N, C-alpha and C. Protein backbone atom coordinates (compact mmCIF):
# COMPACT_ATOMS: atom_id res chain seq x y z
N UNK A 1 0.85 -1.16 0.00
CA UNK A 1 0.00 0.00 0.00
C UNK A 1 0.90 1.23 0.00
N UNK A 2 0.40 2.27 -0.65
CA UNK A 2 1.15 3.51 -0.73
C UNK A 2 0.27 4.64 -0.22
N UNK A 3 0.85 5.52 0.59
CA UNK A 3 0.15 6.66 1.14
C UNK A 3 0.92 7.91 0.78
N UNK A 4 0.25 8.88 0.20
CA UNK A 4 0.89 10.12 -0.20
C UNK A 4 0.40 11.24 0.71
N UNK A 5 1.35 11.91 1.34
CA UNK A 5 1.04 13.04 2.22
C UNK A 5 1.66 14.30 1.63
N UNK A 6 0.89 15.37 1.56
CA UNK A 6 1.41 16.63 1.05
C UNK A 6 1.16 17.70 2.10
N UNK A 7 2.21 18.44 2.43
CA UNK A 7 2.07 19.51 3.41
C UNK A 7 3.21 20.49 3.26
N UNK A 8 2.92 21.74 3.57
CA UNK A 8 3.96 22.76 3.60
C UNK A 8 4.49 22.95 5.02
N UNK A 9 3.86 22.30 5.98
CA UNK A 9 4.25 22.42 7.38
C UNK A 9 5.32 21.37 7.69
N UNK A 10 6.56 21.79 7.72
CA UNK A 10 7.68 20.86 7.92
C UNK A 10 7.67 20.21 9.30
N UNK A 11 7.14 20.90 10.31
CA UNK A 11 7.08 20.32 11.66
C UNK A 11 6.11 19.14 11.70
N UNK A 12 4.95 19.29 11.06
CA UNK A 12 3.98 18.20 11.03
C UNK A 12 4.53 17.00 10.28
N UNK A 13 5.17 17.25 9.16
CA UNK A 13 5.76 16.16 8.38
C UNK A 13 6.84 15.46 9.18
N UNK A 14 7.65 16.20 9.92
CA UNK A 14 8.70 15.60 10.74
C UNK A 14 8.10 14.68 11.80
N UNK A 15 7.00 15.09 12.40
CA UNK A 15 6.34 14.25 13.40
C UNK A 15 5.77 12.98 12.77
N UNK A 16 5.19 13.11 11.59
CA UNK A 16 4.63 11.94 10.89
C UNK A 16 5.74 10.97 10.51
N UNK A 17 6.87 11.50 10.03
CA UNK A 17 8.00 10.65 9.65
C UNK A 17 8.56 9.93 10.87
N UNK A 18 8.67 10.63 12.01
CA UNK A 18 9.17 10.00 13.23
C UNK A 18 8.24 8.87 13.67
N UNK A 19 6.94 9.09 13.60
CA UNK A 19 5.98 8.06 13.96
C UNK A 19 6.07 6.87 13.01
N UNK A 20 6.20 7.15 11.72
CA UNK A 20 6.31 6.08 10.73
C UNK A 20 7.54 5.21 10.99
N UNK A 21 8.65 5.84 11.36
CA UNK A 21 9.87 5.08 11.65
C UNK A 21 9.70 4.22 12.89
N UNK A 22 8.97 4.73 13.89
CA UNK A 22 8.67 3.94 15.09
C UNK A 22 7.85 2.70 14.75
N UNK A 23 7.01 2.83 13.73
CA UNK A 23 6.14 1.72 13.31
C UNK A 23 6.79 0.85 12.23
N UNK A 24 8.07 1.10 11.95
CA UNK A 24 8.82 0.35 10.94
C UNK A 24 8.19 0.46 9.55
N UNK A 25 7.75 1.66 9.21
CA UNK A 25 7.18 1.93 7.89
C UNK A 25 8.26 2.60 7.06
N UNK A 26 8.39 2.18 5.82
CA UNK A 26 9.39 2.76 4.91
C UNK A 26 8.90 4.14 4.48
N UNK A 27 9.78 5.12 4.58
CA UNK A 27 9.44 6.49 4.22
C UNK A 27 10.30 6.91 3.04
N UNK A 28 9.66 7.35 1.95
CA UNK A 28 10.36 7.89 0.79
C UNK A 28 9.89 9.32 0.58
N UNK A 29 10.82 10.23 0.44
CA UNK A 29 10.45 11.62 0.22
C UNK A 29 10.75 11.99 -1.23
N UNK A 30 9.76 12.53 -1.89
CA UNK A 30 9.93 12.98 -3.26
C UNK A 30 9.65 14.47 -3.31
N UNK A 31 10.54 15.19 -3.93
CA UNK A 31 10.37 16.63 -4.06
C UNK A 31 9.38 16.92 -5.18
N UNK A 32 8.43 17.79 -4.91
CA UNK A 32 7.44 18.15 -5.93
C UNK A 32 7.66 19.56 -6.44
N UNK A 33 8.77 20.17 -6.03
CA UNK A 33 9.05 21.52 -6.48
C UNK A 33 9.48 21.50 -7.94
N UNK A 34 9.05 22.50 -8.66
CA UNK A 34 9.42 22.63 -10.06
C UNK A 34 10.46 23.73 -10.15
N UNK A 35 11.63 23.36 -10.66
CA UNK A 35 12.74 24.30 -10.70
C UNK A 35 12.63 25.22 -11.91
N UNK A 36 12.84 26.51 -11.69
CA UNK A 36 12.93 27.46 -12.78
C UNK A 36 11.59 27.98 -13.29
N UNK A 37 10.49 27.35 -12.99
CA UNK A 37 9.19 27.78 -13.49
C UNK A 37 8.26 27.98 -12.31
N UNK A 38 7.68 29.16 -12.22
CA UNK A 38 6.77 29.43 -11.12
C UNK A 38 5.42 28.78 -11.37
N UNK A 39 4.66 28.62 -10.34
CA UNK A 39 3.33 28.01 -10.42
C UNK A 39 2.41 28.84 -11.33
N UNK A 40 2.50 30.17 -11.21
CA UNK A 40 1.66 31.05 -12.05
C UNK A 40 2.05 30.93 -13.52
N UNK A 41 3.36 30.84 -13.79
CA UNK A 41 3.81 30.71 -15.17
C UNK A 41 3.32 29.40 -15.78
N UNK A 42 3.35 28.33 -14.99
CA UNK A 42 2.83 27.05 -15.48
C UNK A 42 1.34 27.13 -15.75
N UNK A 43 0.61 27.78 -14.86
CA UNK A 43 -0.84 27.93 -15.03
C UNK A 43 -1.14 28.68 -16.32
N UNK A 44 -0.44 29.77 -16.56
CA UNK A 44 -0.65 30.55 -17.78
C UNK A 44 -0.29 29.74 -19.02
N UNK A 45 0.78 28.98 -18.92
CA UNK A 45 1.21 28.17 -20.06
C UNK A 45 0.15 27.12 -20.42
N UNK A 46 -0.44 26.51 -19.41
CA UNK A 46 -1.48 25.50 -19.64
C UNK A 46 -2.73 26.15 -20.21
N UNK A 47 -3.15 27.28 -19.62
CA UNK A 47 -4.36 27.94 -20.07
C UNK A 47 -4.25 28.51 -21.49
N UNK A 48 -3.03 28.88 -21.89
CA UNK A 48 -2.82 29.47 -23.22
C UNK A 48 -2.35 28.46 -24.26
N UNK A 49 -2.44 27.18 -23.96
CA UNK A 49 -1.98 26.14 -24.88
C UNK A 49 -2.81 26.14 -26.15
N UNK A 50 -2.15 26.11 -27.29
CA UNK A 50 -2.80 26.02 -28.60
C UNK A 50 -2.17 24.84 -29.34
N UNK A 51 -3.00 23.95 -29.83
CA UNK A 51 -2.51 22.78 -30.57
C UNK A 51 -1.98 23.22 -31.93
N UNK A 52 -0.97 22.52 -32.42
CA UNK A 52 -0.39 22.84 -33.72
C UNK A 52 -1.02 22.02 -34.84
N UNK A 53 -1.76 20.98 -34.49
CA UNK A 53 -2.40 20.16 -35.51
C UNK A 53 -3.76 19.69 -35.00
N UNK A 54 -4.54 19.11 -35.91
CA UNK A 54 -5.86 18.62 -35.55
C UNK A 54 -5.75 17.43 -34.57
N UNK A 55 -6.71 17.33 -33.69
CA UNK A 55 -6.72 16.24 -32.71
C UNK A 55 -6.86 14.89 -33.40
N UNK A 56 -6.23 13.89 -32.85
CA UNK A 56 -6.35 12.53 -33.41
C UNK A 56 -7.73 11.95 -33.19
N UNK A 57 -8.54 12.60 -32.35
CA UNK A 57 -9.90 12.15 -32.08
C UNK A 57 -10.90 12.73 -33.06
N UNK A 58 -10.45 13.62 -33.94
CA UNK A 58 -11.35 14.23 -34.91
C UNK A 58 -11.95 15.52 -34.40
N UNK A 59 -13.00 15.95 -35.07
CA UNK A 59 -13.67 17.19 -34.72
C UNK A 59 -14.62 16.96 -33.55
N UNK A 60 -14.45 17.65 -32.41
CA UNK A 60 -15.31 17.43 -31.26
C UNK A 60 -16.75 17.89 -31.47
N UNK A 61 -16.96 18.81 -32.42
CA UNK A 61 -18.31 19.30 -32.71
C UNK A 61 -19.16 18.21 -33.36
N UNK A 62 -18.55 17.42 -34.22
CA UNK A 62 -19.28 16.35 -34.89
C UNK A 62 -19.60 15.27 -33.90
């Protein structure tokens, strides 16, 4: 089983990790930070996306 916890509160995460270690649970930390690109820039990039060719699914209106 896999459990994903997300938090900006480092103290809470530290307590959870300490408890997990006491319970002999394997803890893996993965960084979710995106280097070089801000969250707002990514949002704008996604919202302003324009395809360069027709969709492989055809015309959605039809």
